[in-house]
Amino acid sequence: MNRDDVLGQFDLTGRTAIITGGTRGIGRAMAEAFGAVGANVVVASRKADACAETEAALTAAGVPALGVPTHLGDLDATAQLVATTVDRFGGIDIVVNNAANPLQMPIETLTPEAWDKSYSVNLRGPVFLAQAALPHLKESAHASIINVISVGAITYAPSTSMYAGAKAALLAFTRNMAAEWATYGVRVNALAPGTVDTDMVRNTGPEAVERMKAISYQKRIADATEMVGPALLLASDAGSYITGQLIVADGGYAVAR
């Protein structure tokens, strides 16, 4: 293989990617990166102004882009996200389920209302978005779904049992989707970030961030752009023989616990 052959494996030219939670943090980094290597990028977020700003920024960078306000807890909205994407770009090749609800509550204080709020966004929404996109992914020669979970799904996460539980369940769905949809040529994988410098992590408070940094082997917090490499591997032809897998990008957090 020569240089062009190697780099060409990561080329997403002409492919269309939906990225939920794509207006900030990890999702925004992925949106910019996927666009930089040729993808049409559709970002989804609850906030219309954030969608508009991200669409404008990507478009200014030469990326065919669309921002679609979407609440992952609303299944009609996820279906509309798929329909809007197909109407604009003609199909779907990549779905990145990145949006999340980080609601924190100790188990002894859980309420049914909090449970529904957490699981509707962290589990139900991603599963049904993937289902809604499936007919279009079947038509793609390069179909890939990436479910962004969390290192919390595979280790103890203080006061985040609902979030961690939903992400662990999404990992189980990832493996089942990969098995059931392999016959359609659809690859499905999960990415588990560790402590990343995002609003979600900062909102846990400086003490929690320092604790998480101290646990990991690398003793630091990751930049959101450090999740781009694993995501691009899973989304592109470079990962064409990878399905049903979990990539943990956590600086050694999980194994150090």
Protein backbone atom coordinates (compact mmCIF):
# COMPACT_ATOMS: atom_id res chain seq x y z
CA MET A 1 0.00 0.00 0.00
CA ASN A 2 1.14 3.52 -0.72
CA ARG A 3 0.30 6.75 1.11
CA ASP A 4 -2.79 7.44 -0.97
CA ASP A 5 -4.09 3.91 -0.39
CA VAL A 6 -3.71 4.28 3.36
CA LEU A 7 -5.22 7.75 3.62
CA GLY A 8 -7.97 6.78 1.21
CA GLN A 9 -9.31 4.28 3.71
CA PHE A 10 -10.40 7.20 5.89
CA ASP A 11 -12.01 9.18 3.06
CA LEU A 12 -15.75 9.81 3.53
CA THR A 13 -16.32 11.74 0.32
CA GLY A 14 -19.94 11.57 -0.79
CA ARG A 15 -21.16 9.80 2.34
CA THR A 16 -23.78 11.28 4.64
CA ALA A 17 -23.43 11.19 8.41
CA ILE A 18 -26.00 11.99 11.08
CA ILE A 19 -24.38 13.02 14.35
CA THR A 20 -26.65 13.58 17.35
CA GLY A 21 -25.36 15.91 20.00
CA GLY A 22 -23.31 17.27 17.12
CA THR A 23 -23.20 20.95 18.05
CA ARG A 24 -20.66 20.78 20.87
CA GLY A 25 -18.07 18.62 22.58
CA ILE A 26 -17.31 15.22 21.11
CA GLY A 27 -20.13 15.42 18.57
CA ARG A 28 -18.93 18.78 17.24
CA ALA A 29 -15.38 17.47 16.91
CA MET A 30 -16.66 14.48 14.96
CA ALA A 31 -18.84 16.69 12.75
CA GLU A 32 -15.89 18.90 11.83
CA ALA A 33 -13.60 15.92 11.25
CA PHE A 34 -16.06 13.91 9.16
CA GLY A 35 -16.72 17.01 7.07
CA ALA A 36 -12.99 17.60 6.64
CA VAL A 37 -12.61 14.17 5.02
CA GLY A 38 -15.51 14.66 2.64
CA ALA A 39 -18.75 13.70 4.37
CA ASN A 40 -22.08 15.47 4.17
CA VAL A 41 -22.79 16.21 7.83
CA VAL A 42 -26.16 16.46 9.56
CA VAL A 43 -25.95 17.60 13.17
CA ALA A 44 -28.84 17.20 15.58
CA SER A 45 -29.36 18.95 18.90
CA ARG A 46 -32.27 20.06 21.05
CA LYS A 47 -31.30 23.72 20.54
CA ALA A 48 -32.24 25.29 17.23
CA ASP A 49 -29.72 28.12 17.59
CA ALA A 50 -26.88 25.68 18.20
CA CYS A 51 -27.91 23.70 15.12
CA ALA A 52 -27.98 26.87 13.02
CA GLU A 53 -24.57 28.01 14.30
CA THR A 54 -22.97 24.64 13.65
CA GLU A 55 -24.49 24.36 10.19
CA ALA A 56 -23.17 27.83 9.34
CA ALA A 57 -19.68 27.06 10.66
CA LEU A 58 -19.44 23.79 8.76
CA THR A 59 -20.79 25.36 5.58
CA ALA A 60 -18.23 28.18 5.86
CA ALA A 61 -15.54 25.49 6.05
CA GLY A 62 -16.78 24.01 2.79
CA VAL A 63 -18.72 21.12 4.31
CA PRO A 64 -22.19 20.25 2.93
CA ALA A 65 -24.03 20.53 6.24
CA LEU A 66 -27.45 20.67 7.81
CA GLY A 67 -28.55 21.34 11.38
CA VAL A 68 -31.80 19.70 12.49
CA PRO A 69 -33.26 20.55 15.92
CA THR A 70 -34.11 17.16 17.44
CA HIS A 71 -34.98 15.87 20.89
CA LEU A 72 -33.85 12.23 21.11
CA GLY A 73 -36.62 11.55 23.59
CA ASP A 74 -39.21 12.30 20.91
CA LEU A 75 -39.48 9.40 18.46
CA ASP A 76 -41.44 11.48 15.95
CA ALA A 77 -38.53 13.92 15.97
CA THR A 78 -35.97 11.18 15.33
CA ALA A 79 -38.04 9.89 12.43
CA GLN A 80 -38.20 13.42 11.05
CA LEU A 81 -34.42 13.74 11.43
CA VAL A 82 -34.01 10.71 9.16
CA ALA A 83 -36.56 12.00 6.65
CA THR A 84 -34.99 15.47 6.54
CA THR A 85 -31.53 14.01 6.02
CA VAL A 86 -32.66 11.79 3.15
CA ASP A 87 -34.61 14.64 1.58
CA ARG A 88 -31.49 16.85 1.62
CA PHE A 89 -28.72 14.39 0.79
CA GLY A 90 -30.48 11.40 -0.75
CA GLY A 91 -29.45 8.76 1.75
CA ILE A 92 -27.65 7.87 4.98
CA ASP A 93 -24.31 6.08 5.36
CA ILE A 94 -23.30 6.80 8.95
CA VAL A 95 -25.25 7.30 12.18
CA VAL A 96 -23.44 8.49 15.29
CA ASN A 97 -25.59 8.23 18.41
CA ASN A 98 -23.75 10.74 20.57
CA ALA A 99 -26.45 12.81 22.30
CA ALA A 100 -26.91 12.02 25.98
CA ASN A 101 -28.70 13.09 29.14
CA PRO A 102 -26.25 13.13 32.09
CA LEU A 103 -28.89 13.25 34.83
CA GLN A 104 -27.24 12.36 38.15
CA MET A 105 -29.12 10.89 41.11
CA PRO A 106 -28.15 8.38 43.81
CA ILE A 107 -30.08 5.13 43.42
CA GLU A 108 -31.95 5.65 46.70
CA THR A 109 -33.50 8.86 45.34
CA LEU A 110 -34.42 7.68 41.84
CA THR A 111 -37.89 8.56 40.59
CA PRO A 112 -39.89 7.10 37.69
CA GLU A 113 -39.90 10.53 36.07
CA ALA A 114 -36.11 10.80 36.21
CA TRP A 115 -35.81 7.23 34.92
CA ASP A 116 -37.99 8.00 31.90
CA LYS A 117 -36.11 11.24 31.17
CA SER A 118 -32.74 9.48 31.26
CA TYR A 119 -33.59 6.31 29.39
CA SER A 120 -35.67 8.01 26.70
CA VAL A 121 -32.61 9.96 25.51
CA ASN A 122 -29.76 7.62 26.43
CA LEU A 123 -31.26 4.35 25.21
CA ARG A 124 -34.66 4.50 23.52
CA GLY A 125 -33.80 7.41 21.24
CA PRO A 126 -30.55 5.92 19.88
CA VAL A 127 -32.11 2.50 19.29
CA PHE A 128 -35.10 3.86 17.41
CA LEU A 129 -33.00 6.34 15.45
CA ALA A 130 -30.88 3.44 14.24
CA GLN A 131 -34.05 1.53 13.38
CA ALA A 132 -35.47 4.50 11.44
CA ALA A 133 -32.21 4.91 9.53
CA LEU A 134 -31.86 1.20 8.74
CA PRO A 135 -33.80 1.16 5.43
CA HIS A 136 -31.42 3.83 4.11
CA LEU A 137 -28.30 2.24 5.62
CA LYS A 138 -29.22 -0.96 3.76
CA GLU A 139 -28.84 0.98 0.52
CA SER A 140 -25.31 2.14 1.43
CA ALA A 141 -22.16 0.26 0.49
CA HIS A 142 -20.42 1.73 3.54
CA ALA A 143 -23.05 1.65 6.30
CA SER A 144 -21.83 2.23 9.84
CA ILE A 145 -23.50 2.99 13.17
CA ILE A 146 -21.44 4.28 16.09
CA ASN A 147 -23.08 4.26 19.50
CA VAL A 148 -21.17 6.56 21.84
CA ILE A 149 -21.48 5.06 25.28
CA SER A 150 -19.18 5.84 28.22
CA VAL A 151 -16.47 4.25 30.28
CA GLY A 152 -19.10 4.53 33.02
CA ALA A 153 -20.95 1.68 31.30
CA ILE A 154 -18.15 -0.74 32.17
CA THR A 155 -17.07 0.59 35.57
CA TYR A 156 -18.55 2.22 38.65
CA ALA A 157 -19.80 5.75 38.01
CA PRO A 158 -20.81 7.54 41.26
CA SER A 159 -24.37 8.93 41.22
CA THR A 160 -24.75 8.21 37.51
CA SER A 161 -26.38 4.79 37.71
CA MET A 162 -29.18 5.65 35.26
CA TYR A 163 -26.75 7.10 32.72
CA ALA A 164 -24.32 4.21 33.14
CA GLY A 165 -27.13 1.66 33.02
CA ALA A 166 -28.56 3.08 29.82
CA LYS A 167 -25.12 3.17 28.21
CA ALA A 168 -24.45 -0.42 29.26
CA ALA A 169 -27.77 -1.40 27.70
CA LEU A 170 -26.82 0.50 24.53
CA LEU A 171 -23.66 -1.60 24.39
CA ALA A 172 -25.82 -4.72 24.48
CA PHE A 173 -27.98 -3.31 21.68
CA THR A 174 -24.81 -2.51 19.74
CA ARG A 175 -23.76 -6.15 19.77
CA ASN A 176 -27.24 -7.36 18.86
CA MET A 177 -27.64 -4.83 16.07
CA ALA A 178 -24.25 -5.89 14.69
CA ALA A 179 -25.35 -9.52 14.66
CA GLU A 180 -28.82 -8.95 13.23
CA TRP A 181 -27.86 -6.34 10.64
CA ALA A 182 -24.60 -7.84 9.37
CA THR A 183 -26.56 -9.53 6.61
CA TYR A 184 -27.50 -6.06 5.35
CA GLY A 185 -23.87 -4.92 5.30
CA VAL A 186 -24.39 -2.58 8.26
CA ARG A 187 -21.55 -2.41 10.78
CA VAL A 188 -22.44 -1.40 14.35
CA ASN A 189 -19.87 -0.53 17.01
CA ALA A 190 -19.59 1.36 20.28
CA LEU A 191 -17.12 3.97 21.44
CA ALA A 192 -16.59 4.52 25.16
CA PRO A 193 -14.87 7.83 25.95
CA GLY A 194 -13.31 8.37 29.34
CA THR A 195 -12.97 11.80 30.93
CA VAL A 196 -13.23 14.31 28.08
CA ASP A 197 -13.18 18.10 28.33
CA THR A 198 -16.86 18.71 27.56
CA ASP A 199 -19.68 20.65 29.19
CA MET A 200 -21.10 17.38 30.51
CA VAL A 201 -17.88 16.51 32.33
CA ARG A 202 -17.24 20.05 33.59
CA ASN A 203 -20.74 20.14 35.05
CA THR A 204 -19.80 17.30 37.41
CA GLY A 205 -17.65 19.86 39.26
CA PRO A 206 -13.89 20.43 39.56
CA GLU A 207 -13.43 17.88 42.34
CA ALA A 208 -15.02 15.11 40.30
CA VAL A 209 -12.93 16.02 37.26
CA GLU A 210 -9.72 15.95 39.30
CA ARG A 211 -10.70 12.59 40.78
CA MET A 212 -11.31 11.11 37.35
CA LYS A 213 -8.04 12.54 36.04
CA ALA A 214 -6.14 11.05 38.96
CA ILE A 215 -7.56 7.56 38.37
CA SER A 216 -6.52 7.21 34.73
CA TYR A 217 -3.05 6.04 33.77
CA GLN A 218 -2.44 9.20 31.77
CA LYS A 219 -3.50 11.46 34.67
CA ARG A 220 -5.25 13.94 32.42
CA ILE A 221 -8.50 14.87 30.78
CA ALA A 222 -8.85 14.28 27.03
CA ASP A 223 -9.63 16.88 24.42
CA ALA A 224 -12.76 16.17 22.42
CA THR A 225 -10.65 15.89 19.26
CA GLU A 226 -9.00 12.80 20.73
CA MET A 227 -12.23 10.90 20.10
CA VAL A 228 -12.05 11.67 16.37
CA GLY A 229 -9.48 8.98 15.57
CA PRO A 230 -11.49 6.07 17.02
CA ALA A 231 -14.72 7.43 15.51
CA LEU A 232 -13.20 7.87 12.07
CA LEU A 233 -11.82 4.33 12.20
CA LEU A 234 -15.29 2.96 12.95
CA ALA A 235 -17.07 5.15 10.41
CA SER A 236 -14.72 4.63 7.47
CA ASP A 237 -13.46 1.79 5.30
CA ALA A 238 -10.43 1.60 7.59
CA GLY A 239 -12.73 -0.27 9.96
CA SER A 240 -14.46 -2.37 7.33
CA TYR A 241 -13.86 -5.63 9.23
CA ILE A 242 -14.85 -4.23 12.64
CA THR A 243 -18.38 -4.80 13.91
CA GLY A 244 -20.00 -5.61 17.23
CA GLN A 245 -17.01 -4.14 19.05
CA LEU A 246 -16.34 -1.65 21.82
CA ILE A 247 -13.42 0.76 21.57
CA VAL A 248 -12.50 2.24 24.93
CA ALA A 249 -10.66 5.59 24.68
CA ASP A 250 -10.19 6.53 28.31
CA GLY A 251 -6.50 7.07 29.05
CA GLY A 252 -6.52 3.85 31.04
CA TYR A 253 -9.37 4.86 33.37
CA ALA A 254 -11.32 1.60 33.33
CA VAL A 255 -8.39 -0.76 33.82
CA ALA A 256 -6.97 1.47 36.56
CA ARG A 257 -10.10 1.32 38.71
